[in-house]
Amino acid sequence: MVKVVAHVSHPDITGAPVDFKVIEVEERLTIFSEPIANTHRYWVPATVDVNDEEEYLEPVDDPDYNFRTDFAIYRQKYNFLQPEEIRAARQEMGLSQAEAAVVLGLDANLLADIEANMALQPYDQELKLRWLLSPATLSSLVRNHQEIMAERCRQAEVDAEGLLEKLAHYEQMTDI
């Protein structure tokens, strides 16, 4: 069922105001083969029928709104780390995004997008990201694979020595 929640005006490319109805629609979708339900928000030109799905526009003021809310619901439903948790864990370890990506075997751009809530991590990446919550274990794994890490660092133009130094002090600690 379509619900009109607001009326807004937004300038077109010439600066002339265009009136829209902001609507909410209950929708069901599948992410990574898993079903979720969400209330999506769309803008519809004020002069057209709100039930005409071909007229639905992503929110002009925030085109990624529906994706971000879908991602949040998925992460909550399946107990995935939230972007702010990932960023906080990485920063707590003193790692840059590039360094964390090398250690976890992720693409640095993908990690940046996940932390910015512009991408959703699939299950296999979620498992890797959770290593950030266990710094001592992660550090030990990296130490046991120093040659591989050195090559990955070289390819990603990351300072291997500096990375190993950052991780070294966690080896004496015990994960909580």
N, C-alpha and C. Protein backbone atom coordinates (compact mmCIF):
# COMPACT_ATOMS: atom_id res chain seq x y z
N MET A 1 0.83 -1.17 0.00
CA MET A 1 0.00 0.00 0.00
C MET A 1 0.88 1.25 0.00
N VAL A 2 0.54 2.21 -0.79
CA VAL A 2 1.29 3.46 -0.92
C VAL A 2 0.78 4.46 0.10
N LYS A 3 1.72 5.09 0.79
CA LYS A 3 1.38 6.10 1.78
C LYS A 3 2.12 7.39 1.45
N VAL A 4 1.41 8.48 1.26
CA VAL A 4 2.04 9.78 1.02
C VAL A 4 2.45 10.33 2.39
N VAL A 5 3.75 10.63 2.54
CA VAL A 5 4.26 11.09 3.84
C VAL A 5 4.70 12.54 3.83
N ALA A 6 4.86 13.13 2.64
CA ALA A 6 5.29 14.52 2.58
C ALA A 6 5.08 15.07 1.17
N HIS A 7 5.10 16.38 1.09
CA HIS A 7 5.10 17.09 -0.19
C HIS A 7 6.32 17.99 -0.16
N VAL A 8 7.14 17.91 -1.21
CA VAL A 8 8.37 18.70 -1.26
C VAL A 8 8.52 19.36 -2.63
N SER A 9 9.35 20.36 -2.65
CA SER A 9 9.70 21.03 -3.89
C SER A 9 11.20 20.97 -4.03
N HIS A 10 11.66 20.64 -5.23
CA HIS A 10 13.10 20.53 -5.48
C HIS A 10 13.39 21.15 -6.83
N PRO A 11 14.49 21.91 -6.95
CA PRO A 11 14.77 22.55 -8.24
C PRO A 11 15.21 21.55 -9.32
N ASP A 12 14.76 21.81 -10.54
CA ASP A 12 15.24 21.00 -11.67
C ASP A 12 16.59 21.58 -12.12
N ILE A 13 17.12 21.09 -13.25
CA ILE A 13 18.46 21.52 -13.68
C ILE A 13 18.53 23.00 -14.06
N THR A 14 17.38 23.60 -14.31
CA THR A 14 17.37 25.03 -14.64
C THR A 14 17.15 25.89 -13.39
N GLY A 15 16.88 25.24 -12.27
CA GLY A 15 16.62 25.97 -11.04
C GLY A 15 15.14 26.18 -10.76
N ALA A 16 14.28 25.79 -11.71
CA ALA A 16 12.84 25.94 -11.52
C ALA A 16 12.33 24.89 -10.53
N PRO A 17 11.45 25.27 -9.63
CA PRO A 17 10.95 24.30 -8.64
C PRO A 17 10.04 23.24 -9.28
N VAL A 18 10.20 22.01 -8.81
CA VAL A 18 9.35 20.89 -9.24
C VAL A 18 8.77 20.30 -7.96
N ASP A 19 7.46 20.12 -7.97
CA ASP A 19 6.78 19.58 -6.79
C ASP A 19 6.71 18.06 -6.86
N PHE A 20 6.92 17.44 -5.70
CA PHE A 20 6.90 15.98 -5.58
C PHE A 20 6.07 15.57 -4.37
N LYS A 21 5.53 14.37 -4.45
CA LYS A 21 4.96 13.70 -3.29
C LYS A 21 6.01 12.69 -2.83
N VAL A 22 6.28 12.65 -1.55
CA VAL A 22 7.17 11.64 -0.99
C VAL A 22 6.27 10.52 -0.50
N ILE A 23 6.53 9.31 -1.00
CA ILE A 23 5.68 8.17 -0.63
C ILE A 23 6.52 7.10 0.04
N GLU A 24 5.84 6.25 0.79
CA GLU A 24 6.46 5.06 1.37
C GLU A 24 5.66 3.85 0.91
N VAL A 25 6.43 2.80 0.57
CA VAL A 25 5.83 1.57 0.05
C VAL A 25 6.49 0.38 0.74
N GLU A 26 5.66 -0.51 1.28
CA GLU A 26 6.19 -1.74 1.87
C GLU A 26 6.62 -2.66 0.74
N GLU A 27 7.89 -3.08 0.75
CA GLU A 27 8.39 -3.96 -0.32
C GLU A 27 9.17 -5.12 0.28
N ARG A 28 9.14 -6.21 -0.44
CA ARG A 28 9.93 -7.40 -0.07
C ARG A 28 10.98 -7.59 -1.15
N LEU A 29 12.20 -7.89 -0.72
CA LEU A 29 13.28 -8.10 -1.67
C LEU A 29 14.21 -9.18 -1.16
N THR A 30 15.13 -9.57 -2.01
CA THR A 30 16.09 -10.61 -1.68
C THR A 30 17.50 -10.03 -1.79
N ILE A 31 18.27 -10.22 -0.73
CA ILE A 31 19.68 -9.81 -0.73
C ILE A 31 20.50 -11.06 -0.40
N PHE A 32 21.46 -11.39 -1.27
CA PHE A 32 22.28 -12.59 -1.09
C PHE A 32 21.42 -13.81 -0.81
N SER A 33 20.35 -13.96 -1.56
CA SER A 33 19.41 -15.09 -1.47
C SER A 33 18.60 -15.11 -0.19
N GLU A 34 18.65 -14.04 0.59
CA GLU A 34 17.91 -13.97 1.85
C GLU A 34 16.80 -12.92 1.73
N PRO A 35 15.58 -13.26 2.17
CA PRO A 35 14.47 -12.31 2.06
C PRO A 35 14.50 -11.25 3.16
N ILE A 36 14.16 -10.03 2.81
CA ILE A 36 13.94 -8.98 3.80
C ILE A 36 12.73 -8.16 3.35
N ALA A 37 12.14 -7.47 4.30
CA ALA A 37 11.04 -6.55 4.01
C ALA A 37 11.48 -5.18 4.49
N ASN A 38 11.11 -4.15 3.74
CA ASN A 38 11.50 -2.80 4.10
C ASN A 38 10.45 -1.82 3.59
N THR A 39 10.35 -0.70 4.26
CA THR A 39 9.52 0.40 3.79
C THR A 39 10.41 1.32 2.99
N HIS A 40 10.25 1.31 1.68
CA HIS A 40 11.06 2.14 0.79
C HIS A 40 10.40 3.49 0.59
N ARG A 41 11.24 4.48 0.40
CA ARG A 41 10.77 5.84 0.18
C ARG A 41 11.08 6.24 -1.26
N TYR A 42 10.10 6.84 -1.91
CA TYR A 42 10.26 7.30 -3.30
C TYR A 42 9.68 8.71 -3.42
N TRP A 43 10.14 9.40 -4.43
CA TRP A 43 9.56 10.69 -4.81
C TRP A 43 8.78 10.47 -6.10
N VAL A 44 7.60 11.07 -6.17
CA VAL A 44 6.75 10.97 -7.36
C VAL A 44 6.35 12.39 -7.75
N PRO A 45 6.48 12.74 -9.03
CA PRO A 45 6.03 14.08 -9.44
C PRO A 45 4.59 14.30 -8.97
N ALA A 46 4.33 15.49 -8.46
CA ALA A 46 3.03 15.80 -7.85
C ALA A 46 1.86 15.63 -8.80
N THR A 47 2.12 15.69 -10.10
CA THR A 47 1.03 15.63 -11.08
C THR A 47 0.67 14.22 -11.52
N VAL A 48 1.38 13.19 -11.03
CA VAL A 48 1.10 11.82 -11.48
C VAL A 48 0.52 10.97 -10.35
N ASP A 49 -0.05 9.86 -10.74
CA ASP A 49 -0.67 8.91 -9.80
C ASP A 49 0.42 8.23 -8.96
N VAL A 50 0.27 8.25 -7.65
CA VAL A 50 1.28 7.64 -6.76
C VAL A 50 1.31 6.11 -6.88
N ASN A 51 0.33 5.52 -7.52
CA ASN A 51 0.32 4.07 -7.70
C ASN A 51 1.02 3.63 -8.98
N ASP A 52 1.48 4.58 -9.78
CA ASP A 52 2.18 4.27 -11.03
C ASP A 52 3.67 4.06 -10.73
N GLU A 53 4.07 2.81 -10.56
CA GLU A 53 5.44 2.48 -10.15
C GLU A 53 6.49 2.98 -11.14
N GLU A 54 6.13 3.17 -12.40
CA GLU A 54 7.08 3.67 -13.38
C GLU A 54 7.47 5.11 -13.12
N GLU A 55 6.71 5.80 -12.31
CA GLU A 55 7.00 7.20 -11.97
C GLU A 55 7.84 7.35 -10.70
N TYR A 56 8.10 6.23 -10.00
CA TYR A 56 8.84 6.29 -8.74
C TYR A 56 10.29 6.69 -9.00
N LEU A 57 10.75 7.66 -8.24
CA LEU A 57 12.14 8.10 -8.29
C LEU A 57 12.78 7.86 -6.94
N GLU A 58 14.05 7.48 -6.94
CA GLU A 58 14.76 7.39 -5.67
C GLU A 58 14.75 8.79 -5.07
N PRO A 59 14.77 8.91 -3.75
CA PRO A 59 14.73 10.25 -3.14
C PRO A 59 15.80 11.17 -3.75
N VAL A 60 15.35 12.27 -4.30
CA VAL A 60 16.24 13.19 -5.00
C VAL A 60 17.30 13.75 -4.06
N ASP A 61 16.93 13.97 -2.80
CA ASP A 61 17.87 14.54 -1.84
C ASP A 61 18.80 13.50 -1.23
N ASP A 62 18.51 12.19 -1.43
CA ASP A 62 19.32 11.11 -0.86
C ASP A 62 19.08 9.84 -1.67
N PRO A 63 19.66 9.75 -2.87
CA PRO A 63 19.36 8.63 -3.77
C PRO A 63 19.70 7.24 -3.23
N ASP A 64 20.57 7.15 -2.23
CA ASP A 64 20.97 5.86 -1.68
C ASP A 64 20.19 5.48 -0.43
N TYR A 65 19.21 6.26 -0.07
CA TYR A 65 18.44 6.03 1.16
C TYR A 65 17.90 4.60 1.25
N ASN A 66 17.23 4.13 0.21
CA ASN A 66 16.62 2.79 0.26
C ASN A 66 17.67 1.69 0.38
N PHE A 67 18.79 1.84 -0.34
CA PHE A 67 19.86 0.84 -0.23
C PHE A 67 20.41 0.79 1.19
N ARG A 68 20.68 1.96 1.76
CA ARG A 68 21.25 2.00 3.11
C ARG A 68 20.31 1.37 4.13
N THR A 69 19.01 1.64 4.00
CA THR A 69 18.07 1.05 4.96
C THR A 69 17.94 -0.46 4.73
N ASP A 70 18.00 -0.90 3.46
CA ASP A 70 18.01 -2.34 3.18
C ASP A 70 19.22 -3.00 3.84
N PHE A 71 20.39 -2.38 3.67
CA PHE A 71 21.62 -2.93 4.25
C PHE A 71 21.51 -3.00 5.77
N ALA A 72 20.97 -1.96 6.40
CA ALA A 72 20.85 -1.93 7.86
C ALA A 72 19.94 -3.05 8.35
N ILE A 73 18.83 -3.26 7.67
CA ILE A 73 17.90 -4.33 8.05
C ILE A 73 18.58 -5.69 7.89
N TYR A 74 19.27 -5.89 6.77
CA TYR A 74 19.96 -7.16 6.53
C TYR A 74 21.00 -7.42 7.62
N ARG A 75 21.82 -6.39 7.90
CA ARG A 75 22.87 -6.57 8.91
C ARG A 75 22.28 -6.90 10.28
N GLN A 76 21.19 -6.22 10.63
CA GLN A 76 20.57 -6.49 11.92
C GLN A 76 19.95 -7.88 11.95
N LYS A 77 19.24 -8.24 10.90
CA LYS A 77 18.54 -9.53 10.86
C LYS A 77 19.52 -10.70 10.93
N TYR A 78 20.68 -10.56 10.26
CA TYR A 78 21.63 -11.67 10.19
C TYR A 78 22.87 -11.45 11.07
N ASN A 79 22.78 -10.48 11.99
CA ASN A 79 23.84 -10.22 12.95
C ASN A 79 25.19 -9.93 12.29
N PHE A 80 25.16 -9.11 11.26
CA PHE A 80 26.39 -8.66 10.60
C PHE A 80 26.89 -7.39 11.27
N LEU A 81 28.18 -7.16 11.18
CA LEU A 81 28.77 -5.93 11.70
C LEU A 81 28.22 -4.73 10.93
N GLN A 82 27.96 -3.66 11.66
CA GLN A 82 27.53 -2.40 11.06
C GLN A 82 28.77 -1.63 10.59
N PRO A 83 28.63 -0.75 9.61
CA PRO A 83 29.79 0.00 9.11
C PRO A 83 30.58 0.71 10.20
N GLU A 84 29.86 1.33 11.15
CA GLU A 84 30.56 2.05 12.21
C GLU A 84 31.33 1.10 13.14
N GLU A 85 30.85 -0.13 13.31
CA GLU A 85 31.58 -1.11 14.13
C GLU A 85 32.86 -1.55 13.43
N ILE A 86 32.78 -1.73 12.13
CA ILE A 86 33.94 -2.13 11.34
C ILE A 86 35.00 -1.03 11.39
N ARG A 87 34.57 0.18 11.13
CA ARG A 87 35.50 1.33 11.14
C ARG A 87 36.13 1.50 12.52
N ALA A 88 35.33 1.40 13.58
CA ALA A 88 35.84 1.57 14.95
C ALA A 88 36.86 0.48 15.29
N ALA A 89 36.59 -0.76 14.92
CA ALA A 89 37.52 -1.86 15.21
C ALA A 89 38.83 -1.66 14.45
N ARG A 90 38.74 -1.26 13.19
CA ARG A 90 39.94 -1.01 12.39
C ARG A 90 40.75 0.13 12.98
N GLN A 91 40.08 1.21 13.32
CA GLN A 91 40.78 2.37 13.88
C GLN A 91 41.37 2.06 15.25
N GLU A 92 40.68 1.25 16.05
CA GLU A 92 41.20 0.85 17.36
C GLU A 92 42.53 0.11 17.21
N MET A 93 42.67 -0.64 16.12
CA MET A 93 43.93 -1.35 15.85
C MET A 93 44.97 -0.43 15.21
N GLY A 94 44.58 0.79 14.89
CA GLY A 94 45.51 1.74 14.27
C GLY A 94 45.79 1.45 12.81
N LEU A 95 44.87 0.73 12.15
CA LEU A 95 45.08 0.35 10.75
C LEU A 95 44.37 1.31 9.81
N SER A 96 45.02 1.63 8.71
CA SER A 96 44.36 2.37 7.64
C SER A 96 43.44 1.39 6.91
N GLN A 97 42.58 1.91 6.06
CA GLN A 97 41.72 1.02 5.27
C GLN A 97 42.57 0.13 4.38
N ALA A 98 43.62 0.68 3.78
CA ALA A 98 44.48 -0.11 2.89
C ALA A 98 45.16 -1.23 3.66
N GLU A 99 45.65 -0.94 4.87
CA GLU A 99 46.31 -1.97 5.69
C GLU A 99 45.33 -3.06 6.10
N ALA A 100 44.15 -2.67 6.55
CA ALA A 100 43.15 -3.65 6.95
C ALA A 100 42.74 -4.51 5.76
N ALA A 101 42.59 -3.90 4.60
CA ALA A 101 42.21 -4.65 3.40
C ALA A 101 43.27 -5.70 3.06
N VAL A 102 44.54 -5.33 3.17
CA VAL A 102 45.62 -6.29 2.88
C VAL A 102 45.57 -7.45 3.85
N VAL A 103 45.45 -7.14 5.14
CA VAL A 103 45.45 -8.18 6.17
C VAL A 103 44.26 -9.12 6.02
N LEU A 104 43.11 -8.56 5.68
CA LEU A 104 41.88 -9.36 5.58
C LEU A 104 41.67 -9.99 4.22
N GLY A 105 42.49 -9.61 3.24
CA GLY A 105 42.32 -10.16 1.89
C GLY A 105 41.11 -9.59 1.19
N LEU A 106 40.82 -8.30 1.45
CA LEU A 106 39.70 -7.61 0.82
C LEU A 106 40.22 -6.54 -0.13
N ASP A 107 39.40 -6.14 -1.05
CA ASP A 107 39.72 -5.01 -1.91
C ASP A 107 39.56 -3.73 -1.08
N ALA A 108 40.55 -2.84 -1.15
CA ALA A 108 40.53 -1.62 -0.34
C ALA A 108 39.33 -0.74 -0.67
N ASN A 109 38.96 -0.65 -1.94
CA ASN A 109 37.79 0.16 -2.32
C ASN A 109 36.51 -0.43 -1.77
N LEU A 110 36.42 -1.76 -1.75
CA LEU A 110 35.24 -2.40 -1.19
C LEU A 110 35.15 -2.13 0.31
N LEU A 111 36.27 -2.22 1.01
CA LEU A 111 36.26 -1.94 2.44
C LEU A 111 35.82 -0.50 2.70
N ALA A 112 36.31 0.43 1.90
CA ALA A 112 35.89 1.84 2.03
C ALA A 112 34.39 1.97 1.81
N ASP A 113 33.86 1.28 0.80
CA ASP A 113 32.42 1.34 0.52
C ASP A 113 31.60 0.72 1.64
N ILE A 114 32.08 -0.38 2.21
CA ILE A 114 31.36 -1.02 3.33
C ILE A 114 31.34 -0.07 4.52
N GLU A 115 32.49 0.53 4.84
CA GLU A 115 32.55 1.46 5.97
C GLU A 115 31.68 2.70 5.74
N ALA A 116 31.49 3.09 4.49
CA ALA A 116 30.66 4.25 4.15
C ALA A 116 29.19 3.85 3.97
N ASN A 117 28.87 2.58 4.20
CA ASN A 117 27.51 2.04 4.03
C ASN A 117 27.02 2.17 2.60
N MET A 118 27.95 2.06 1.65
CA MET A 118 27.61 2.10 0.23
C MET A 118 27.66 0.70 -0.38
N ALA A 119 28.10 -0.28 0.40
CA ALA A 119 28.14 -1.67 -0.05
C ALA A 119 27.84 -2.56 1.15
N LEU A 120 27.29 -3.71 0.88
CA LEU A 120 26.97 -4.68 1.91
C LEU A 120 27.90 -5.86 1.77
N GLN A 121 28.53 -6.24 2.87
CA GLN A 121 29.45 -7.37 2.83
C GLN A 121 28.68 -8.69 2.79
N PRO A 122 29.07 -9.59 1.87
CA PRO A 122 28.47 -10.93 1.90
C PRO A 122 29.06 -11.73 3.07
N TYR A 123 28.51 -12.88 3.32
CA TYR A 123 28.88 -13.70 4.48
C TYR A 123 30.38 -13.98 4.55
N ASP A 124 31.01 -14.35 3.42
CA ASP A 124 32.44 -14.67 3.47
C ASP A 124 33.28 -13.46 3.87
N GLN A 125 32.87 -12.28 3.45
CA GLN A 125 33.59 -11.06 3.85
C GLN A 125 33.27 -10.70 5.30
N GLU A 126 32.06 -10.97 5.74
CA GLU A 126 31.70 -10.74 7.14
C GLU A 126 32.61 -11.53 8.06
N LEU A 127 32.89 -12.79 7.69
CA LEU A 127 33.79 -13.60 8.51
C LEU A 127 35.17 -12.96 8.61
N LYS A 128 35.67 -12.46 7.49
CA LYS A 128 36.98 -11.79 7.49
C LYS A 128 36.94 -10.53 8.34
N LEU A 129 35.90 -9.73 8.20
CA LEU A 129 35.80 -8.47 8.94
C LEU A 129 35.76 -8.71 10.45
N ARG A 130 35.21 -9.82 10.86
CA ARG A 130 35.13 -10.13 12.30
C ARG A 130 36.51 -10.36 12.92
N TRP A 131 37.52 -10.64 12.11
CA TRP A 131 38.89 -10.77 12.65
C TRP A 131 39.34 -9.46 13.28
N LEU A 132 38.79 -8.33 12.84
CA LEU A 132 39.16 -7.04 13.43
C LEU A 132 38.75 -6.96 14.90
N LEU A 133 37.80 -7.79 15.31
CA LEU A 133 37.36 -7.81 16.71
C LEU A 133 38.25 -8.68 17.57
N SER A 134 39.20 -9.39 16.96
CA SER A 134 40.13 -10.28 17.67
C SER A 134 41.56 -9.93 17.28
N PRO A 135 42.05 -8.77 17.73
CA PRO A 135 43.37 -8.30 17.28
C PRO A 135 44.52 -9.26 17.56
N ALA A 136 44.52 -9.92 18.72
CA ALA A 136 45.62 -10.83 19.04
C ALA A 136 45.65 -12.02 18.09
N THR A 137 44.49 -12.57 17.81
CA THR A 137 44.41 -13.71 16.89
C THR A 137 44.79 -13.28 15.48
N LEU A 138 44.28 -12.13 15.06
CA LEU A 138 44.60 -11.62 13.73
C LEU A 138 46.09 -11.37 13.59
N SER A 139 46.69 -10.77 14.60
CA SER A 139 48.12 -10.50 14.58
C SER A 139 48.93 -11.79 14.48
N SER A 140 48.53 -12.79 15.21
CA SER A 140 49.22 -14.09 15.18
C SER A 140 49.10 -14.73 13.79
N LEU A 141 47.94 -14.65 13.19
CA LEU A 141 47.76 -15.20 11.84
C LEU A 141 48.66 -14.49 10.84
N VAL A 142 48.73 -13.18 10.95
CA VAL A 142 49.57 -12.40 10.04
C VAL A 142 51.04 -12.77 10.24
N ARG A 143 51.46 -12.86 11.49
CA ARG A 143 52.86 -13.21 11.80
C ARG A 143 53.21 -14.58 11.20
N ASN A 144 52.28 -15.52 11.24
CA ASN A 144 52.53 -16.86 10.71
C ASN A 144 52.55 -16.90 9.19
N HIS A 145 52.17 -15.80 8.56
CA HIS A 145 52.13 -15.75 7.09
C HIS A 145 52.82 -14.48 6.58
N GLN A 146 53.97 -14.19 7.15
CA GLN A 146 54.66 -12.94 6.84
C GLN A 146 55.06 -12.80 5.38
N GLU A 147 55.46 -13.89 4.74
CA GLU A 147 55.86 -13.80 3.33
C GLU A 147 54.67 -13.43 2.45
N ILE A 148 53.55 -14.05 2.72
CA ILE A 148 52.34 -13.72 1.95
C ILE A 148 51.95 -12.27 2.20
N MET A 149 52.00 -11.85 3.47
CA MET A 149 51.65 -10.47 3.81
C MET A 149 52.60 -9.48 3.15
N ALA A 150 53.87 -9.81 3.13
CA ALA A 150 54.86 -8.91 2.51
C ALA A 150 54.54 -8.72 1.02
N GLU A 151 54.19 -9.80 0.35
CA GLU A 151 53.86 -9.71 -1.08
C GLU A 151 52.56 -8.94 -1.29
N ARG A 152 51.56 -9.20 -0.46
CA ARG A 152 50.30 -8.45 -0.56
C ARG A 152 50.53 -6.96 -0.32
N CYS A 153 51.36 -6.66 0.66
CA CYS A 153 51.68 -5.26 0.96
C CYS A 153 52.37 -4.61 -0.23
N ARG A 154 53.31 -5.33 -0.82
CA ARG A 154 54.03 -4.79 -1.98
C ARG A 154 53.04 -4.48 -3.10
N GLN A 155 52.13 -5.40 -3.38
CA GLN A 155 51.16 -5.21 -4.45
C GLN A 155 50.20 -4.05 -4.16
N ALA A 156 49.87 -3.86 -2.90
CA ALA A 156 48.92 -2.80 -2.53
C ALA A 156 49.63 -1.49 -2.17
N GLU A 157 50.96 -1.50 -2.29
CA GLU A 157 51.77 -0.33 -1.94
C GLU A 157 51.54 0.10 -0.49
N VAL A 158 51.55 -0.90 0.40
CA VAL A 158 51.41 -0.69 1.84
C VAL A 158 52.74 -1.04 2.48
N ASP A 159 53.15 -0.28 3.47
CA ASP A 159 54.41 -0.51 4.19
C ASP A 159 54.28 -1.77 5.06
N ALA A 160 54.88 -2.86 4.62
CA ALA A 160 54.78 -4.14 5.32
C ALA A 160 55.39 -4.05 6.71
N GLU A 161 56.57 -3.44 6.82
CA GLU A 161 57.23 -3.32 8.13
C GLU A 161 56.36 -2.55 9.11
N GLY A 162 55.82 -1.44 8.64
CA GLY A 162 54.97 -0.62 9.49
C GLY A 162 53.71 -1.37 9.92
N LEU A 163 53.14 -2.13 9.02
CA LEU A 163 51.94 -2.91 9.32
C LEU A 163 52.25 -3.97 10.37
N LEU A 164 53.34 -4.71 10.17
CA LEU A 164 53.72 -5.75 11.13
C LEU A 164 54.02 -5.15 12.50
N GLU A 165 54.61 -3.98 12.50
CA GLU A 165 54.91 -3.29 13.76
C GLU A 165 53.62 -2.92 14.49
N LYS A 166 52.63 -2.42 13.75
CA LYS A 166 51.35 -2.07 14.36
C LYS A 166 50.69 -3.29 14.99
N LEU A 167 50.82 -4.43 14.32
CA LEU A 167 50.16 -5.64 14.80
C LEU A 167 50.93 -6.35 15.91
N ALA A 168 52.24 -6.11 15.98
CA ALA A 168 53.11 -6.85 16.91
C ALA A 168 52.68 -6.70 18.35
N HIS A 169 52.28 -5.55 18.77
CA HIS A 169 51.96 -5.37 20.20
C HIS A 169 50.69 -6.12 20.62
N TYR A 170 49.87 -6.56 19.65
CA TYR A 170 48.68 -7.34 19.98
C TYR A 170 49.00 -8.80 20.26
N GLU A 171 50.17 -9.25 19.82
CA GLU A 171 50.50 -10.67 20.00
C GLU A 171 50.63 -11.06 21.47
N GLN A 172 50.96 -10.10 22.34
CA GLN A 172 51.09 -10.39 23.76
C GLN A 172 49.73 -10.34 24.47
N MET A 173 48.75 -9.83 23.79
CA MET A 173 47.43 -9.66 24.40
C MET A 173 46.58 -10.90 24.16
N THR A 174 45.53 -11.02 24.94
CA THR A 174 44.55 -12.09 24.77
C THR A 174 43.26 -11.45 24.33
N ASP A 175 42.66 -12.02 23.29
CA ASP A 175 41.36 -11.51 22.82
C ASP A 175 40.33 -11.71 23.91
N ILE A 176 39.44 -10.73 24.00
CA ILE A 176 38.37 -10.82 25.01
C ILE A 176 37.21 -11.60 24.45
